[in-house]
Amino acid sequence: MLRRLQSILRAEGNKVITSNERLVAQLRRVLDIRESAERREVGRLVQEIKSLAHQTREMLPQTELLQVDIALALSSLMSKSQWSPPENVEFGGSLEVSDGGDYEGTLEAFLRLYPVDFDRLRENIRACLETRVQITLPELLVMHPPRNGILEVLAYLLIAESDGPHIVLDGFDLLEIPEQPDRRFRVPQIVFSNT
C-alpha cells in the first residue's frame, strides 16, 4: 500500500479537483441566472416608472410639494471663522455596494489617482496559485502583506472582478491591515482560483 500511496493520493486529488471544478461551474451558472433575472426585473421597473410618468404628465399637482417659511439671515463675510481641517475624520456605517451597482469604473478611476502596481499583485496571486488550487484574500494578504494599505485590497477586488476564474462571493471578510492595526475593513469575500 505504501508503494501505491502516491498514485492513490494523486487519484484522490484529481477527484477533489474535478469536484471543485464542477462546483465552481454550477456556482457561476447560478450567479449568472440570478444576475440576469435581477437585470430583467430592474428593466421592467424602469419601464413601469416611465409609463406612469408618461400617464401623469398632463395632470396638475394636487398638493403643494414644498413650502418655505423662513426669513433670510444675512451675515457679512468677515463674521465667519477660518476653516481648519478636523484632526480625525470618521465615516458612519460601512461601504455598501448595491446589487448590480457599477462601481468598477469608479474604483478604476480612484486607483488611477493613487497608482497601484497591478502587475505585482497579479504576480502575487500567480505565485500563491502555483502550489494550491484556490486561495482566499485574507490568506493572500498574510503571504503578501499590502504595501499601499487598503488601496491594494481594492485593487485585488478589481482583479477578482475582471480577471480569470476568480470568484467574488456575497459574504464579507473583516481584514486588518498592518499599517492600520486599530482598524478593521469589511470587504467582500474573494477566492482566487486556477480553475
N, C-alpha and C. Protein backbone atom coordinates (compact mmCIF):
# COMPACT_ATOMS: atom_id res chain seq x y z
N MET A 1 0.83 -1.20 0.00
CA MET A 1 0.00 0.00 0.00
C MET A 1 0.86 1.25 0.00
N LEU A 2 1.98 1.22 0.74
CA LEU A 2 2.86 2.38 0.78
C LEU A 2 3.46 2.67 -0.59
N ARG A 3 3.74 1.61 -1.38
CA ARG A 3 4.27 1.84 -2.73
C ARG A 3 3.24 2.52 -3.61
N ARG A 4 1.97 2.20 -3.41
CA ARG A 4 0.91 2.78 -4.24
C ARG A 4 0.34 4.07 -3.64
N LEU A 5 0.85 4.50 -2.48
CA LEU A 5 0.26 5.65 -1.79
C LEU A 5 0.28 6.91 -2.64
N GLN A 6 1.39 7.13 -3.34
CA GLN A 6 1.49 8.34 -4.17
C GLN A 6 0.44 8.35 -5.28
N SER A 7 0.27 7.23 -5.96
CA SER A 7 -0.73 7.19 -7.03
C SER A 7 -2.14 7.27 -6.47
N ILE A 8 -2.38 6.68 -5.30
CA ILE A 8 -3.70 6.78 -4.66
C ILE A 8 -4.00 8.23 -4.31
N LEU A 9 -3.01 8.91 -3.72
CA LEU A 9 -3.19 10.31 -3.36
C LEU A 9 -3.44 11.18 -4.60
N ARG A 10 -2.73 10.90 -5.68
CA ARG A 10 -2.96 11.66 -6.93
C ARG A 10 -4.38 11.45 -7.44
N ALA A 11 -4.82 10.19 -7.42
CA ALA A 11 -6.18 9.89 -7.90
C ALA A 11 -7.22 10.60 -7.05
N GLU A 12 -7.04 10.56 -5.72
CA GLU A 12 -7.99 11.25 -4.83
C GLU A 12 -7.94 12.76 -5.04
N GLY A 13 -6.73 13.28 -5.23
CA GLY A 13 -6.58 14.71 -5.50
C GLY A 13 -7.28 15.13 -6.78
N ASN A 14 -7.15 14.29 -7.82
CA ASN A 14 -7.84 14.58 -9.08
C ASN A 14 -9.35 14.57 -8.90
N LYS A 15 -9.86 13.65 -8.05
CA LYS A 15 -11.30 13.64 -7.78
C LYS A 15 -11.74 14.95 -7.11
N VAL A 16 -10.94 15.39 -6.15
CA VAL A 16 -11.26 16.65 -5.45
C VAL A 16 -11.24 17.82 -6.42
N ILE A 17 -10.23 17.89 -7.27
CA ILE A 17 -10.12 18.98 -8.24
C ILE A 17 -11.29 18.95 -9.21
N THR A 18 -11.65 17.75 -9.71
CA THR A 18 -12.79 17.63 -10.63
C THR A 18 -14.08 18.07 -9.95
N SER A 19 -14.27 17.63 -8.72
CA SER A 19 -15.48 18.02 -7.97
C SER A 19 -15.50 19.53 -7.75
N ASN A 20 -14.34 20.10 -7.43
CA ASN A 20 -14.24 21.55 -7.21
C ASN A 20 -14.57 22.31 -8.49
N GLU A 21 -14.06 21.85 -9.62
CA GLU A 21 -14.34 22.49 -10.91
C GLU A 21 -15.83 22.43 -11.23
N ARG A 22 -16.46 21.29 -10.94
CA ARG A 22 -17.89 21.15 -11.19
C ARG A 22 -18.68 22.11 -10.31
N LEU A 23 -18.29 22.22 -9.04
CA LEU A 23 -18.98 23.15 -8.13
C LEU A 23 -18.82 24.60 -8.57
N VAL A 24 -17.61 24.95 -9.02
CA VAL A 24 -17.37 26.32 -9.49
C VAL A 24 -18.24 26.61 -10.71
N ALA A 25 -18.33 25.66 -11.64
CA ALA A 25 -19.16 25.86 -12.83
C ALA A 25 -20.63 26.02 -12.45
N GLN A 26 -21.11 25.20 -11.50
CA GLN A 26 -22.50 25.32 -11.06
C GLN A 26 -22.75 26.66 -10.38
N LEU A 27 -21.81 27.08 -9.55
CA LEU A 27 -21.95 28.37 -8.86
C LEU A 27 -22.00 29.52 -9.85
N ARG A 28 -21.15 29.46 -10.87
CA ARG A 28 -21.17 30.51 -11.89
C ARG A 28 -22.50 30.55 -12.62
N ARG A 29 -23.03 29.36 -12.95
CA ARG A 29 -24.32 29.32 -13.64
C ARG A 29 -25.41 29.93 -12.78
N VAL A 30 -25.42 29.59 -11.49
CA VAL A 30 -26.44 30.13 -10.57
C VAL A 30 -26.31 31.64 -10.48
N LEU A 31 -25.07 32.13 -10.35
CA LEU A 31 -24.87 33.58 -10.26
C LEU A 31 -25.27 34.28 -11.55
N ASP A 32 -24.96 33.69 -12.69
CA ASP A 32 -25.35 34.29 -13.97
C ASP A 32 -26.86 34.35 -14.12
N ILE A 33 -27.55 33.27 -13.72
CA ILE A 33 -29.01 33.25 -13.81
C ILE A 33 -29.61 34.32 -12.91
N ARG A 34 -29.09 34.42 -11.69
CA ARG A 34 -29.62 35.41 -10.74
C ARG A 34 -29.38 36.83 -11.24
N GLU A 35 -28.17 37.07 -11.76
CA GLU A 35 -27.85 38.42 -12.25
C GLU A 35 -28.75 38.81 -13.43
N SER A 36 -28.98 37.88 -14.36
CA SER A 36 -29.84 38.21 -15.50
C SER A 36 -31.28 38.42 -15.04
N ALA A 37 -31.76 37.67 -14.04
CA ALA A 37 -33.12 37.87 -13.52
C ALA A 37 -33.23 39.24 -12.87
N GLU A 38 -32.20 39.64 -12.12
CA GLU A 38 -32.22 40.96 -11.48
C GLU A 38 -32.22 42.07 -12.53
N ARG A 39 -31.44 41.90 -13.57
CA ARG A 39 -31.41 42.91 -14.64
C ARG A 39 -32.77 43.03 -15.32
N ARG A 40 -33.41 41.89 -15.59
CA ARG A 40 -34.74 41.93 -16.21
C ARG A 40 -35.73 42.65 -15.30
N GLU A 41 -35.67 42.37 -13.99
CA GLU A 41 -36.59 43.00 -13.05
C GLU A 41 -36.37 44.51 -12.99
N VAL A 42 -35.09 44.93 -12.98
CA VAL A 42 -34.79 46.37 -12.97
C VAL A 42 -35.31 47.02 -14.25
N GLY A 43 -35.10 46.37 -15.39
CA GLY A 43 -35.61 46.90 -16.67
C GLY A 43 -37.12 47.04 -16.65
N ARG A 44 -37.80 46.02 -16.09
CA ARG A 44 -39.27 46.07 -16.01
C ARG A 44 -39.72 47.23 -15.13
N LEU A 45 -39.05 47.42 -13.98
CA LEU A 45 -39.42 48.51 -13.07
C LEU A 45 -39.19 49.88 -13.71
N VAL A 46 -38.08 50.01 -14.45
CA VAL A 46 -37.80 51.29 -15.12
C VAL A 46 -38.88 51.58 -16.16
N GLN A 47 -39.29 50.56 -16.93
CA GLN A 47 -40.35 50.76 -17.92
C GLN A 47 -41.67 51.13 -17.25
N GLU A 48 -41.95 50.51 -16.11
CA GLU A 48 -43.19 50.82 -15.38
C GLU A 48 -43.18 52.26 -14.89
N ILE A 49 -42.03 52.70 -14.36
CA ILE A 49 -41.92 54.09 -13.89
C ILE A 49 -42.08 55.06 -15.06
N LYS A 50 -41.48 54.74 -16.20
CA LYS A 50 -41.60 55.61 -17.38
C LYS A 50 -43.06 55.71 -17.84
N SER A 51 -43.75 54.57 -17.86
CA SER A 51 -45.14 54.60 -18.32
C SER A 51 -46.03 55.38 -17.34
N LEU A 52 -45.78 55.24 -16.03
CA LEU A 52 -46.55 56.01 -15.05
C LEU A 52 -46.27 57.51 -15.19
N ALA A 53 -45.01 57.86 -15.41
CA ALA A 53 -44.67 59.27 -15.59
C ALA A 53 -45.33 59.81 -16.85
N HIS A 54 -45.36 59.01 -17.91
CA HIS A 54 -45.99 59.44 -19.16
C HIS A 54 -47.50 59.63 -18.98
N GLN A 55 -48.14 58.77 -18.21
CA GLN A 55 -49.58 58.87 -17.98
C GLN A 55 -49.95 60.11 -17.16
N THR A 56 -49.09 60.51 -16.25
CA THR A 56 -49.43 61.61 -15.34
C THR A 56 -48.80 62.94 -15.74
N ARG A 57 -48.22 63.04 -16.91
CA ARG A 57 -47.51 64.27 -17.28
C ARG A 57 -48.46 65.46 -17.46
N GLU A 58 -49.73 65.22 -17.83
CA GLU A 58 -50.70 66.30 -18.05
C GLU A 58 -51.44 66.71 -16.78
N MET A 59 -51.33 65.91 -15.73
CA MET A 59 -52.08 66.20 -14.51
C MET A 59 -51.41 67.32 -13.72
N LEU A 60 -52.23 68.19 -13.16
CA LEU A 60 -51.72 69.25 -12.29
C LEU A 60 -51.48 68.67 -10.91
N PRO A 61 -50.48 69.19 -10.20
CA PRO A 61 -50.24 68.66 -8.85
C PRO A 61 -51.42 68.98 -7.94
N GLN A 62 -51.79 68.00 -7.10
CA GLN A 62 -52.94 68.15 -6.21
C GLN A 62 -52.56 68.92 -4.95
N THR A 63 -51.35 68.73 -4.52
CA THR A 63 -50.92 69.40 -3.29
C THR A 63 -49.63 70.16 -3.54
N GLU A 64 -49.37 71.11 -2.68
CA GLU A 64 -48.13 71.87 -2.78
C GLU A 64 -47.02 71.03 -2.19
N LEU A 65 -46.00 70.81 -2.95
CA LEU A 65 -44.96 69.89 -2.50
C LEU A 65 -43.96 70.53 -1.56
N LEU A 66 -43.71 71.81 -1.73
CA LEU A 66 -42.67 72.44 -0.94
C LEU A 66 -43.12 73.82 -0.49
N GLN A 67 -42.93 74.08 0.77
CA GLN A 67 -43.28 75.39 1.28
C GLN A 67 -42.17 75.83 2.22
N VAL A 68 -41.60 76.99 1.94
CA VAL A 68 -40.51 77.52 2.76
C VAL A 68 -41.02 78.76 3.45
N ASP A 69 -40.95 78.76 4.77
CA ASP A 69 -41.45 79.89 5.55
C ASP A 69 -40.37 80.33 6.52
N ILE A 70 -39.23 80.76 5.97
CA ILE A 70 -38.10 81.17 6.80
C ILE A 70 -37.62 82.54 6.30
N ALA A 71 -37.30 83.39 7.24
CA ALA A 71 -36.71 84.68 6.87
C ALA A 71 -35.22 84.46 6.59
N LEU A 72 -34.70 85.19 5.61
CA LEU A 72 -33.29 85.05 5.28
C LEU A 72 -32.42 85.72 6.33
N ALA A 73 -31.37 85.04 6.76
CA ALA A 73 -30.43 85.63 7.72
C ALA A 73 -29.21 86.08 6.94
N LEU A 74 -28.89 87.36 7.01
CA LEU A 74 -27.73 87.90 6.30
C LEU A 74 -26.58 88.05 7.28
N SER A 75 -25.41 87.71 6.81
CA SER A 75 -24.21 87.91 7.63
C SER A 75 -23.07 88.31 6.72
N SER A 76 -22.14 89.05 7.30
CA SER A 76 -21.02 89.52 6.48
C SER A 76 -19.96 88.43 6.37
N LEU A 77 -19.13 88.58 5.38
CA LEU A 77 -18.07 87.62 5.14
C LEU A 77 -17.06 87.61 6.28
N MET A 78 -16.88 88.75 6.92
CA MET A 78 -15.88 88.87 7.98
C MET A 78 -16.33 88.18 9.27
N SER A 79 -17.60 87.90 9.41
CA SER A 79 -18.08 87.29 10.67
C SER A 79 -17.82 85.79 10.71
N LYS A 80 -17.42 85.19 9.60
CA LYS A 80 -17.18 83.75 9.59
C LYS A 80 -15.77 83.44 10.08
N SER A 81 -15.64 82.34 10.82
CA SER A 81 -14.32 81.94 11.31
C SER A 81 -13.57 81.21 10.20
N GLN A 82 -12.24 81.16 10.37
CA GLN A 82 -11.43 80.46 9.37
C GLN A 82 -11.66 78.97 9.47
N TRP A 83 -11.57 78.31 8.30
CA TRP A 83 -11.76 76.86 8.28
C TRP A 83 -10.47 76.18 8.69
N SER A 84 -10.58 75.18 9.52
CA SER A 84 -9.41 74.36 9.87
C SER A 84 -9.82 72.90 9.73
N PRO A 85 -8.96 72.07 9.16
CA PRO A 85 -9.34 70.66 8.93
C PRO A 85 -9.49 69.91 10.26
N PRO A 86 -10.44 68.98 10.33
CA PRO A 86 -10.58 68.19 11.56
C PRO A 86 -9.40 67.25 11.71
N GLU A 87 -9.10 66.91 12.96
CA GLU A 87 -7.96 66.01 13.21
C GLU A 87 -8.26 64.59 12.75
N ASN A 88 -9.47 64.14 13.02
CA ASN A 88 -9.88 62.79 12.62
C ASN A 88 -11.18 62.88 11.87
N VAL A 89 -11.26 62.15 10.78
CA VAL A 89 -12.50 62.10 10.02
C VAL A 89 -13.05 60.69 10.16
N GLU A 90 -14.26 60.57 10.65
CA GLU A 90 -14.92 59.27 10.80
C GLU A 90 -16.12 59.22 9.87
N PHE A 91 -16.22 58.17 9.10
CA PHE A 91 -17.36 57.98 8.22
C PHE A 91 -18.30 57.00 8.90
N GLY A 92 -19.57 57.36 9.00
CA GLY A 92 -20.54 56.49 9.65
C GLY A 92 -20.89 55.31 8.77
N GLY A 93 -21.13 54.16 9.40
CA GLY A 93 -21.58 52.98 8.66
C GLY A 93 -20.44 52.35 7.88
N SER A 94 -20.82 51.41 7.06
CA SER A 94 -19.82 50.72 6.23
C SER A 94 -20.19 50.90 4.77
N LEU A 95 -19.22 50.65 3.93
CA LEU A 95 -19.44 50.78 2.49
C LEU A 95 -20.35 49.68 2.00
N GLU A 96 -21.47 50.06 1.40
CA GLU A 96 -22.41 49.09 0.86
C GLU A 96 -22.50 49.31 -0.64
N VAL A 97 -22.33 48.25 -1.40
CA VAL A 97 -22.46 48.33 -2.85
C VAL A 97 -23.76 47.65 -3.22
N SER A 98 -24.62 48.36 -3.90
CA SER A 98 -25.91 47.78 -4.25
C SER A 98 -25.72 46.69 -5.30
N ASP A 99 -26.65 45.73 -5.30
CA ASP A 99 -26.58 44.65 -6.29
C ASP A 99 -26.64 45.24 -7.68
N GLY A 100 -25.74 44.81 -8.53
CA GLY A 100 -25.73 45.30 -9.90
C GLY A 100 -25.14 46.69 -10.01
N GLY A 101 -24.60 47.25 -8.90
CA GLY A 101 -24.03 48.60 -8.94
C GLY A 101 -22.79 48.63 -9.81
N ASP A 102 -22.61 49.70 -10.54
CA ASP A 102 -21.46 49.81 -11.42
C ASP A 102 -20.37 50.58 -10.68
N TYR A 103 -19.67 49.87 -9.80
CA TYR A 103 -18.61 50.50 -9.03
C TYR A 103 -17.24 50.26 -9.63
N GLU A 104 -17.15 49.39 -10.63
CA GLU A 104 -15.85 49.03 -11.19
C GLU A 104 -15.16 50.23 -11.83
N GLY A 105 -15.91 51.02 -12.63
CA GLY A 105 -15.32 52.21 -13.27
C GLY A 105 -14.88 53.24 -12.25
N THR A 106 -15.68 53.43 -11.20
CA THR A 106 -15.32 54.38 -10.15
C THR A 106 -14.07 53.93 -9.43
N LEU A 107 -13.99 52.63 -9.15
CA LEU A 107 -12.83 52.09 -8.46
C LEU A 107 -11.57 52.24 -9.31
N GLU A 108 -11.67 51.98 -10.61
CA GLU A 108 -10.51 52.15 -11.50
C GLU A 108 -10.06 53.61 -11.52
N ALA A 109 -11.01 54.53 -11.59
CA ALA A 109 -10.66 55.96 -11.60
C ALA A 109 -9.98 56.35 -10.29
N PHE A 110 -10.47 55.82 -9.16
CA PHE A 110 -9.86 56.11 -7.87
C PHE A 110 -8.44 55.58 -7.80
N LEU A 111 -8.24 54.36 -8.31
CA LEU A 111 -6.91 53.77 -8.25
C LEU A 111 -5.93 54.45 -9.21
N ARG A 112 -6.45 55.15 -10.24
CA ARG A 112 -5.55 55.92 -11.11
C ARG A 112 -4.99 57.14 -10.37
N LEU A 113 -5.74 57.65 -9.39
CA LEU A 113 -5.25 58.80 -8.61
C LEU A 113 -4.05 58.40 -7.75
N TYR A 114 -4.11 57.18 -7.20
CA TYR A 114 -3.04 56.67 -6.35
C TYR A 114 -2.56 55.37 -6.99
N PRO A 115 -1.55 55.44 -7.87
CA PRO A 115 -1.18 54.26 -8.67
C PRO A 115 -0.81 53.05 -7.81
N VAL A 116 -1.33 51.91 -8.21
CA VAL A 116 -1.04 50.62 -7.57
C VAL A 116 -0.47 49.71 -8.66
N ASP A 117 0.54 48.94 -8.32
CA ASP A 117 1.19 48.06 -9.29
C ASP A 117 0.37 46.79 -9.48
N PHE A 118 -0.55 46.81 -10.45
CA PHE A 118 -1.43 45.67 -10.70
C PHE A 118 -0.64 44.44 -11.15
N ASP A 119 0.46 44.65 -11.91
CA ASP A 119 1.26 43.51 -12.37
C ASP A 119 1.85 42.76 -11.19
N ARG A 120 2.33 43.51 -10.18
CA ARG A 120 2.90 42.86 -8.99
C ARG A 120 1.82 42.09 -8.23
N LEU A 121 0.62 42.66 -8.13
CA LEU A 121 -0.47 41.98 -7.42
C LEU A 121 -0.88 40.70 -8.17
N ARG A 122 -0.95 40.79 -9.49
CA ARG A 122 -1.28 39.58 -10.27
C ARG A 122 -0.19 38.52 -10.10
N GLU A 123 1.06 38.96 -10.02
CA GLU A 123 2.17 38.03 -9.81
C GLU A 123 2.06 37.38 -8.42
N ASN A 124 1.64 38.15 -7.41
CA ASN A 124 1.41 37.58 -6.07
C ASN A 124 0.37 36.46 -6.13
N ILE A 125 -0.71 36.71 -6.87
CA ILE A 125 -1.78 35.71 -6.99
C ILE A 125 -1.24 34.47 -7.70
N ARG A 126 -0.52 34.69 -8.83
CA ARG A 126 0.04 33.56 -9.59
C ARG A 126 0.99 32.73 -8.72
N ALA A 127 1.83 33.41 -7.93
CA ALA A 127 2.80 32.70 -7.09
C ALA A 127 2.09 31.83 -6.06
N CYS A 128 1.01 32.34 -5.47
CA CYS A 128 0.26 31.56 -4.48
C CYS A 128 -0.46 30.38 -5.12
N LEU A 129 -0.94 30.57 -6.35
CA LEU A 129 -1.71 29.52 -7.01
C LEU A 129 -0.83 28.46 -7.68
N GLU A 130 0.49 28.63 -7.61
CA GLU A 130 1.37 27.60 -8.14
C GLU A 130 1.35 26.35 -7.27
N THR A 131 1.10 26.54 -5.96
CA THR A 131 1.14 25.40 -5.04
C THR A 131 -0.24 24.99 -4.55
N ARG A 132 -1.28 25.74 -4.91
CA ARG A 132 -2.64 25.41 -4.47
C ARG A 132 -3.64 25.75 -5.56
N VAL A 133 -4.84 25.21 -5.44
CA VAL A 133 -5.87 25.42 -6.44
C VAL A 133 -6.60 26.74 -6.19
N GLN A 134 -6.84 27.07 -4.91
CA GLN A 134 -7.56 28.28 -4.56
C GLN A 134 -6.91 28.94 -3.36
N ILE A 135 -7.12 30.27 -3.25
CA ILE A 135 -6.65 30.99 -2.06
C ILE A 135 -7.61 32.16 -1.82
N THR A 136 -7.93 32.39 -0.56
CA THR A 136 -8.82 33.50 -0.22
C THR A 136 -8.00 34.77 -0.07
N LEU A 137 -8.68 35.91 -0.11
CA LEU A 137 -7.99 37.19 0.02
C LEU A 137 -7.27 37.33 1.36
N PRO A 138 -7.87 36.97 2.51
CA PRO A 138 -7.12 37.08 3.77
C PRO A 138 -5.85 36.23 3.79
N GLU A 139 -5.92 35.01 3.21
CA GLU A 139 -4.72 34.15 3.16
C GLU A 139 -3.66 34.78 2.27
N LEU A 140 -4.08 35.37 1.15
CA LEU A 140 -3.15 36.02 0.24
C LEU A 140 -2.46 37.21 0.91
N LEU A 141 -3.23 37.98 1.70
CA LEU A 141 -2.66 39.15 2.36
C LEU A 141 -1.69 38.76 3.48
N VAL A 142 -1.88 37.56 4.06
CA VAL A 142 -0.91 37.09 5.06
C VAL A 142 0.41 36.76 4.36
N MET A 143 0.32 36.12 3.20
CA MET A 143 1.54 35.74 2.47
C MET A 143 2.21 36.94 1.81
N HIS A 144 1.41 37.92 1.34
CA HIS A 144 1.94 39.11 0.69
C HIS A 144 1.26 40.34 1.30
N PRO A 145 1.79 40.84 2.44
CA PRO A 145 1.14 42.00 3.09
C PRO A 145 1.09 43.19 2.14
N PRO A 146 0.00 43.95 2.18
CA PRO A 146 -0.14 45.08 1.26
C PRO A 146 0.85 46.20 1.57
N ARG A 147 1.43 46.76 0.50
CA ARG A 147 2.36 47.87 0.65
C ARG A 147 1.64 49.21 0.66
N ASN A 148 0.48 49.26 0.00
CA ASN A 148 -0.27 50.51 -0.12
C ASN A 148 -1.57 50.48 0.66
N GLY A 149 -1.65 49.69 1.72
CA GLY A 149 -2.82 49.66 2.58
C GLY A 149 -4.07 49.19 1.87
N ILE A 150 -5.17 49.87 2.18
CA ILE A 150 -6.49 49.47 1.69
C ILE A 150 -6.57 49.60 0.17
N LEU A 151 -5.72 50.44 -0.44
CA LEU A 151 -5.75 50.58 -1.90
C LEU A 151 -5.42 49.27 -2.59
N GLU A 152 -4.47 48.51 -2.02
CA GLU A 152 -4.14 47.22 -2.63
C GLU A 152 -5.29 46.23 -2.47
N VAL A 153 -6.01 46.31 -1.35
CA VAL A 153 -7.16 45.43 -1.16
C VAL A 153 -8.21 45.75 -2.22
N LEU A 154 -8.44 47.03 -2.47
CA LEU A 154 -9.39 47.43 -3.51
C LEU A 154 -8.91 46.96 -4.89
N ALA A 155 -7.61 47.01 -5.11
CA ALA A 155 -7.06 46.55 -6.38
C ALA A 155 -7.26 45.04 -6.54
N TYR A 156 -7.08 44.28 -5.45
CA TYR A 156 -7.34 42.84 -5.52
C TYR A 156 -8.81 42.57 -5.85
N LEU A 157 -9.71 43.39 -5.30
CA LEU A 157 -11.14 43.25 -5.61
C LEU A 157 -11.38 43.48 -7.10
N LEU A 158 -10.72 44.49 -7.65
CA LEU A 158 -10.88 44.79 -9.08
C LEU A 158 -10.32 43.66 -9.94
N ILE A 159 -9.19 43.09 -9.53
CA ILE A 159 -8.60 41.97 -10.27
C ILE A 159 -9.54 40.76 -10.22
N ALA A 160 -10.13 40.49 -9.05
CA ALA A 160 -11.05 39.35 -8.92
C ALA A 160 -12.27 39.53 -9.80
N GLU A 161 -12.73 40.78 -9.94
CA GLU A 161 -13.91 41.05 -10.78
C GLU A 161 -13.59 40.92 -12.26
N SER A 162 -12.37 41.30 -12.66
CA SER A 162 -12.10 41.42 -14.10
C SER A 162 -11.25 40.29 -14.68
N ASP A 163 -10.44 39.62 -13.87
CA ASP A 163 -9.52 38.60 -14.38
C ASP A 163 -10.06 37.20 -14.16
N GLY A 164 -9.74 36.33 -15.07
CA GLY A 164 -9.82 34.89 -14.94
C GLY A 164 -10.98 34.30 -14.15
N PRO A 165 -10.74 33.12 -13.57
CA PRO A 165 -11.82 32.36 -12.93
C PRO A 165 -12.01 32.71 -11.46
N HIS A 166 -11.59 33.88 -11.02
CA HIS A 166 -11.72 34.24 -9.61
C HIS A 166 -13.18 34.51 -9.26
N ILE A 167 -13.52 34.38 -7.97
CA ILE A 167 -14.91 34.49 -7.54
C ILE A 167 -15.03 35.56 -6.45
N VAL A 168 -16.04 36.43 -6.57
CA VAL A 168 -16.40 37.37 -5.51
C VAL A 168 -17.73 36.89 -4.96
N LEU A 169 -17.73 36.48 -3.68
CA LEU A 169 -18.92 35.90 -3.06
C LEU A 169 -19.78 36.98 -2.41
N ASP A 170 -20.98 36.59 -1.97
CA ASP A 170 -21.90 37.53 -1.34
C ASP A 170 -21.50 37.88 0.09
N GLY A 171 -20.75 37.00 0.75
CA GLY A 171 -20.37 37.24 2.14
C GLY A 171 -19.27 38.29 2.26
N PHE A 172 -18.88 38.56 3.50
CA PHE A 172 -17.85 39.57 3.76
C PHE A 172 -16.79 39.01 4.69
N ASP A 173 -15.55 39.52 4.55
CA ASP A 173 -14.46 39.22 5.46
C ASP A 173 -14.07 40.50 6.19
N LEU A 174 -13.62 40.37 7.44
CA LEU A 174 -13.08 41.51 8.17
C LEU A 174 -11.56 41.41 8.11
N LEU A 175 -10.92 42.45 7.58
CA LEU A 175 -9.47 42.43 7.39
C LEU A 175 -8.80 43.45 8.28
N GLU A 176 -7.63 43.09 8.79
CA GLU A 176 -6.77 44.05 9.47
C GLU A 176 -5.55 44.27 8.59
N ILE A 177 -5.16 45.53 8.43
CA ILE A 177 -4.02 45.86 7.59
C ILE A 177 -2.87 46.27 8.52
N PRO A 178 -1.66 45.73 8.29
CA PRO A 178 -0.55 46.01 9.22
C PRO A 178 -0.31 47.49 9.47
N GLU A 179 -0.50 48.35 8.45
CA GLU A 179 -0.26 49.78 8.63
C GLU A 179 -1.28 50.42 9.56
N GLN A 180 -2.48 49.81 9.67
CA GLN A 180 -3.56 50.37 10.49
C GLN A 180 -4.11 49.27 11.40
N PRO A 181 -3.33 48.87 12.41
CA PRO A 181 -3.74 47.71 13.23
C PRO A 181 -4.99 47.97 14.07
N ASP A 182 -5.35 49.23 14.31
CA ASP A 182 -6.51 49.53 15.14
C ASP A 182 -7.81 49.57 14.35
N ARG A 183 -7.74 49.39 13.03
CA ARG A 183 -8.95 49.44 12.19
C ARG A 183 -9.16 48.11 11.49
N ARG A 184 -10.44 47.76 11.29
CA ARG A 184 -10.79 46.55 10.54
C ARG A 184 -11.66 46.97 9.37
N PHE A 185 -11.42 46.36 8.22
CA PHE A 185 -12.15 46.70 7.00
C PHE A 185 -13.04 45.53 6.60
N ARG A 186 -14.29 45.83 6.26
CA ARG A 186 -15.25 44.82 5.82
C ARG A 186 -15.25 44.81 4.30
N VAL A 187 -14.75 43.72 3.72
CA VAL A 187 -14.64 43.62 2.26
C VAL A 187 -15.33 42.34 1.79
N PRO A 188 -15.78 42.32 0.53
CA PRO A 188 -16.42 41.10 0.00
C PRO A 188 -15.46 39.91 0.05
N GLN A 189 -16.01 38.73 0.26
CA GLN A 189 -15.18 37.52 0.25
C GLN A 189 -14.72 37.25 -1.17
N ILE A 190 -13.42 37.06 -1.32
CA ILE A 190 -12.82 36.83 -2.64
C ILE A 190 -12.06 35.52 -2.60
N VAL A 191 -12.25 34.69 -3.63
CA VAL A 191 -11.50 33.45 -3.76
C VAL A 191 -10.79 33.50 -5.11
N PHE A 192 -9.46 33.50 -5.08
CA PHE A 192 -8.67 33.44 -6.30
C PHE A 192 -8.48 31.97 -6.65
N SER A 193 -8.62 31.64 -7.93
CA SER A 193 -8.65 30.22 -8.32
C SER A 193 -7.89 29.99 -9.61
N ASN A 194 -7.38 28.77 -9.76
CA ASN A 194 -6.73 28.35 -11.01
C ASN A 194 -7.73 27.91 -12.04
N THR A 195 -8.88 27.41 -11.58
CA THR A 195 -9.81 26.75 -12.50
C THR A 195 -10.98 27.65 -12.85
